[in-house]
Amino acid sequence: MKRFFDSSPPLLNPADMVLTFTGQKAEKLSLPERVIITFDTGDLKRILNQSNTTLIDAWSHFKRLYKIAKSNTIITKSYFGGPNVAALIEELASFGVKECVLWGYCGGIDNNVDIGDIILTKGALREDGVSYHYIEDIESFIYSDWFDVWKNNIKDWGFQEGVIWSCDAIYRETSNKIEKYREMGIAGVEMEVASFYAVCKYRKIKGIAFLIVSDIFRDGRWVHGFFTKPFQEGVKKLSDFMLKKVIC
């Protein structure tokens, strides 16, 4: 992999971008310490419908951020893909966010994971592009610095722990690679976690990713589970966990 990291300061600053597009003063854009990031509108609505939330007006012309009442937590939705997540975290961190919880999805590779399972993600194999711009380390894997804390928090919830493969090219998840990474013990594949952990590390903020297995690669075939009962049960379980254990 080419080394893209450059230690010189960027000319495009995320705080300047937010100030430009919101038209607000910096003090009005101040945010709580913790954010939950989802990718699915339905997941966002689950939290909004089950908690007392308020749209943060100062951000509304740029991003739709919701403050959860009686907490130090906001929730928002990102578009899929590592670049989108990285840009979002840069912008939120510029105004006070220090803890990021990602609610995502993955395709199961390991034969021990099934549709609807929830994976607490320890780290990611870096086949993305974003992470190599954010950290000088050219190791193939990147890990969460917040994993051990959440490992204790998931006791009695029936979640799995695992390392994920982050691949930007969704239609290049080839049979040879899937078999190779299965043999390495990688749990699944998705598009964001390596980028997510890299920007958190660069920003010196905490990040952890929870992934629901939405589809699986088994016996040389792709099997989706997006509309199945196990998948819906997994979504509900992770939603309950977010409401009870993540909102603080």
Protein backbone atom coordinates (compact mmCIF):
# COMPACT_ATOMS: atom_id res chain seq x y z
CA MET A 1 0.00 0.00 0.00
CA LYS A 2 1.31 3.46 -0.85
CA ARG A 3 2.02 5.77 2.06
CA PHE A 4 -0.34 8.73 1.80
CA PHE A 5 0.25 10.18 5.27
CA ASP A 6 1.65 13.70 5.39
CA SER A 7 2.34 15.41 8.72
CA SER A 8 2.04 18.96 7.37
CA PRO A 9 -1.18 20.83 8.29
CA PRO A 10 -4.20 20.54 5.99
CA LEU A 11 -5.38 23.66 4.18
CA LEU A 12 -9.04 22.64 4.31
CA ASN A 13 -10.12 22.76 7.95
CA PRO A 14 -13.30 20.94 9.11
CA ALA A 15 -14.20 23.72 11.55
CA ASP A 16 -14.02 26.29 8.75
CA MET A 17 -16.25 24.10 6.60
CA VAL A 18 -18.90 23.87 9.33
CA LEU A 19 -18.75 27.60 10.09
CA THR A 20 -19.10 28.40 6.39
CA PHE A 21 -22.12 26.21 5.72
CA THR A 22 -23.99 26.86 8.97
CA GLY A 23 -23.37 30.59 9.05
CA GLN A 24 -23.14 30.33 12.84
CA LYS A 25 -20.69 31.51 15.47
CA ALA A 26 -18.45 28.79 16.90
CA GLU A 27 -19.98 29.01 20.39
CA LYS A 28 -23.42 28.12 19.01
CA LEU A 29 -22.04 24.97 17.39
CA SER A 30 -20.61 23.46 20.59
CA LEU A 31 -21.51 19.77 21.00
CA PRO A 32 -21.70 17.16 23.80
CA GLU A 33 -18.89 14.64 24.21
CA ARG A 34 -20.57 11.52 22.77
CA VAL A 35 -22.14 10.76 19.39
CA ILE A 36 -23.95 7.70 18.03
CA ILE A 37 -23.53 7.42 14.25
CA THR A 38 -25.98 5.33 12.24
CA PHE A 39 -26.24 4.62 8.51
CA ASP A 40 -29.89 3.65 8.29
CA THR A 41 -32.81 6.07 8.62
CA GLY A 42 -34.86 3.37 10.35
CA ASP A 43 -32.17 2.92 13.01
CA LEU A 44 -32.05 6.66 13.58
CA LYS A 45 -35.82 6.79 13.95
CA ARG A 46 -35.79 3.94 16.46
CA ILE A 47 -33.69 6.04 18.82
CA LEU A 48 -35.61 9.23 18.09
CA ASN A 49 -38.95 7.53 18.75
CA GLN A 50 -37.83 5.95 22.01
CA SER A 51 -36.07 8.92 23.58
CA ASN A 52 -36.69 12.61 24.01
CA THR A 53 -34.58 14.31 21.35
CA THR A 54 -34.20 17.81 19.95
CA LEU A 55 -32.81 18.83 16.57
CA ILE A 56 -29.78 21.06 17.07
CA ASP A 57 -30.86 24.13 15.11
CA ALA A 58 -27.43 25.70 14.74
CA TRP A 59 -26.26 22.69 12.70
CA SER A 60 -29.48 22.04 10.77
CA HIS A 61 -28.47 23.69 7.48
CA PHE A 62 -25.39 21.47 7.31
CA LYS A 63 -25.99 18.26 9.31
CA ARG A 64 -29.03 16.95 11.16
CA LEU A 65 -27.84 16.30 14.69
CA TYR A 66 -30.19 15.35 17.51
CA LYS A 67 -29.48 16.00 21.19
CA ILE A 68 -30.84 13.28 23.48
CA ALA A 69 -32.46 14.85 26.54
CA LYS A 70 -30.87 14.44 29.97
CA SER A 71 -27.71 13.03 28.43
CA ASN A 72 -24.34 14.03 27.05
CA THR A 73 -25.10 12.25 23.76
CA ILE A 74 -26.15 13.23 20.26
CA ILE A 75 -27.18 10.98 17.38
CA THR A 76 -26.86 11.49 13.65
CA LYS A 77 -26.83 9.61 10.35
CA SER A 78 -23.89 9.23 7.98
CA TYR A 79 -23.84 8.16 4.37
CA PHE A 80 -22.16 4.79 3.77
CA GLY A 81 -18.42 4.62 3.13
CA GLY A 82 -15.22 5.45 4.96
CA PRO A 83 -14.76 8.95 3.48
CA ASN A 84 -18.20 10.04 4.66
CA VAL A 85 -17.68 8.75 8.19
CA ALA A 86 -14.22 10.32 8.40
CA ALA A 87 -15.46 13.74 7.29
CA LEU A 88 -18.37 13.60 9.74
CA ILE A 89 -16.11 12.75 12.69
CA GLU A 90 -13.66 15.50 11.74
CA GLU A 91 -16.50 18.04 11.78
CA LEU A 92 -18.06 16.84 15.03
CA ALA A 93 -14.71 16.56 16.82
CA SER A 94 -13.96 20.17 15.87
CA PHE A 95 -16.85 21.26 18.09
CA GLY A 96 -16.46 19.09 21.16
CA VAL A 97 -17.22 15.42 20.38
CA LYS A 98 -14.70 13.11 22.06
CA GLU A 99 -16.45 9.70 21.95
CA CYS A 100 -17.88 8.08 18.81
CA VAL A 101 -20.06 4.97 18.74
CA LEU A 102 -20.68 3.52 15.27
CA TRP A 103 -23.82 1.47 14.57
CA GLY A 104 -23.14 -0.37 11.33
CA TYR A 105 -23.66 -3.55 9.32
CA CYS A 106 -21.43 -6.23 7.86
CA GLY A 107 -21.42 -9.34 5.73
CA GLY A 108 -20.46 -12.38 7.79
CA ILE A 109 -17.39 -14.33 6.67
CA ASP A 110 -16.62 -16.50 9.69
CA ASN A 111 -18.65 -19.71 9.80
CA ASN A 112 -19.48 -18.98 13.44
CA VAL A 113 -21.44 -15.81 12.68
CA ASP A 114 -25.02 -15.75 11.47
CA ILE A 115 -27.52 -13.17 10.29
CA GLY A 116 -28.64 -10.99 13.18
CA ASP A 117 -25.48 -11.50 15.25
CA ILE A 118 -23.90 -8.36 16.68
CA ILE A 119 -20.12 -7.93 16.58
CA LEU A 120 -18.19 -5.67 18.92
CA THR A 121 -15.36 -4.77 16.56
CA LYS A 122 -11.86 -4.94 18.01
CA GLY A 123 -10.12 -3.85 14.84
CA ALA A 124 -10.11 -3.85 11.07
CA LEU A 125 -8.01 -5.06 8.15
CA ARG A 126 -7.20 -1.92 6.20
CA GLU A 127 -8.27 -2.32 2.59
CA ASP A 128 -9.70 1.19 2.60
CA GLY A 129 -8.10 4.35 1.31
CA VAL A 130 -8.92 6.82 4.08
CA SER A 131 -6.94 5.25 6.93
CA TYR A 132 -3.63 5.61 5.10
CA HIS A 133 -4.10 9.39 4.99
CA TYR A 134 -4.68 9.60 8.75
CA ILE A 135 -2.02 7.48 10.39
CA GLU A 136 1.62 7.03 9.51
CA ASP A 137 1.61 3.41 10.66
CA ILE A 138 1.48 1.16 7.59
CA GLU A 139 0.50 -1.99 9.47
CA SER A 140 -2.32 -3.94 7.81
CA PHE A 141 -4.61 -3.79 10.85
CA ILE A 142 -5.91 -0.95 12.99
CA TYR A 143 -7.51 -1.40 16.41
CA SER A 144 -9.89 0.45 18.69
CA ASP A 145 -8.34 2.01 21.80
CA TRP A 146 -11.77 1.82 23.48
CA PHE A 147 -12.45 -1.89 22.93
CA ASP A 148 -11.59 -3.16 26.41
CA VAL A 149 -14.09 -0.83 28.07
CA TRP A 150 -16.92 -1.99 25.84
CA LYS A 151 -15.90 -5.62 26.18
CA ASN A 152 -17.00 -5.33 29.81
CA ASN A 153 -20.19 -3.47 28.87
CA ILE A 154 -21.50 -6.19 26.53
CA LYS A 155 -21.53 -8.93 29.17
CA ASP A 156 -24.93 -10.70 29.23
CA TRP A 157 -25.94 -9.22 25.86
CA GLY A 158 -24.86 -12.15 23.70
CA PHE A 159 -22.67 -10.08 21.38
CA GLN A 160 -19.61 -11.50 19.66
CA GLU A 161 -16.15 -9.92 19.46
CA GLY A 162 -14.14 -9.85 16.28
CA VAL A 163 -11.89 -8.23 13.72
CA ILE A 164 -13.46 -7.00 10.50
CA TRP A 165 -12.25 -6.52 6.91
CA SER A 166 -12.84 -2.98 5.64
CA CYS A 167 -13.07 -2.91 1.85
CA ASP A 168 -14.00 0.20 -0.15
CA ALA A 169 -14.91 -1.84 -3.23
CA ILE A 170 -18.16 -3.60 -2.35
CA TYR A 171 -18.25 -5.53 -5.61
CA ARG A 172 -14.65 -6.71 -5.30
CA GLU A 173 -15.18 -8.92 -2.26
CA THR A 174 -13.77 -11.89 -4.15
CA SER A 175 -14.02 -15.58 -3.35
CA ASN A 176 -10.26 -15.97 -2.84
CA LYS A 177 -10.07 -13.08 -0.42
CA ILE A 178 -13.12 -14.22 1.51
CA GLU A 179 -11.62 -17.68 1.95
CA LYS A 180 -8.22 -16.27 2.92
CA TYR A 181 -9.64 -13.88 5.50
CA ARG A 182 -11.98 -16.53 6.89
CA GLU A 183 -8.92 -18.70 7.55
CA MET A 184 -7.31 -15.72 9.31
CA GLY A 185 -10.28 -15.55 11.67
CA ILE A 186 -11.81 -12.34 10.33
CA ALA A 187 -15.48 -12.14 11.25
CA GLY A 188 -16.95 -10.13 8.38
CA VAL A 189 -16.59 -7.43 5.76
CA GLU A 190 -17.87 -3.85 5.54
CA MET A 191 -16.76 -0.44 4.28
CA GLU A 192 -16.15 1.93 7.20
CA VAL A 193 -14.46 0.60 10.35
CA ALA A 194 -10.80 0.98 9.33
CA SER A 195 -11.44 4.57 8.26
CA PHE A 196 -13.47 5.20 11.42
CA TYR A 197 -10.76 3.92 13.77
CA ALA A 198 -8.04 5.81 11.88
CA VAL A 199 -9.69 9.22 12.10
CA CYS A 200 -10.52 8.63 15.78
CA LYS A 201 -6.88 7.77 16.44
CA TYR A 202 -5.70 10.83 14.51
CA ARG A 203 -8.10 13.07 16.42
CA LYS A 204 -7.19 11.40 19.74
CA ILE A 205 -10.83 10.61 20.48
CA LYS A 206 -12.48 7.35 21.49
CA GLY A 207 -14.18 5.16 18.89
CA ILE A 208 -15.99 1.82 18.95
CA ALA A 209 -18.01 0.04 16.26
CA PHE A 210 -20.96 -2.31 16.72
CA LEU A 211 -21.92 -4.24 13.57
CA ILE A 212 -25.05 -6.26 12.85
CA VAL A 213 -24.53 -9.19 10.47
CA SER A 214 -26.96 -8.44 7.64
CA ASP A 215 -25.78 -11.05 5.10
CA ILE A 216 -23.32 -13.92 4.96
CA PHE A 217 -20.85 -15.55 2.57
CA ARG A 218 -21.26 -19.29 2.95
CA ASP A 219 -20.37 -22.25 0.72
CA GLY A 220 -19.26 -19.98 -2.11
CA ARG A 221 -22.53 -18.04 -2.15
CA TRP A 222 -23.83 -14.68 -0.91
CA VAL A 223 -26.95 -15.00 1.23
CA HIS A 224 -28.77 -11.86 2.31
CA GLY A 225 -30.85 -11.60 5.45
CA PHE A 226 -32.05 -8.00 5.32
CA PHE A 227 -35.74 -8.84 5.67
CA THR A 228 -35.50 -11.88 7.91
CA LYS A 229 -36.66 -12.28 11.49
CA PRO A 230 -33.12 -12.90 12.87
CA PHE A 231 -31.95 -9.68 11.25
CA GLN A 232 -34.83 -7.69 12.71
CA GLU A 233 -34.17 -9.22 16.12
CA GLY A 234 -30.53 -8.15 15.87
CA VAL A 235 -31.55 -4.60 15.00
CA LYS A 236 -33.90 -4.47 17.98
CA LYS A 237 -31.25 -5.88 20.33
CA LEU A 238 -28.65 -3.33 19.27
CA SER A 239 -31.22 -0.54 19.52
CA ASP A 240 -32.04 -1.62 23.08
CA PHE A 241 -28.33 -1.71 23.90
CA MET A 242 -27.83 1.80 22.56
CA LEU A 243 -30.74 3.11 24.63
CA LYS A 244 -29.63 1.38 27.84
CA LYS A 245 -25.83 1.33 27.68
CA VAL A 246 -24.56 3.88 25.17
CA ILE A 247 -26.61 7.00 25.84
CA CYS A 248 -24.96 8.66 28.82
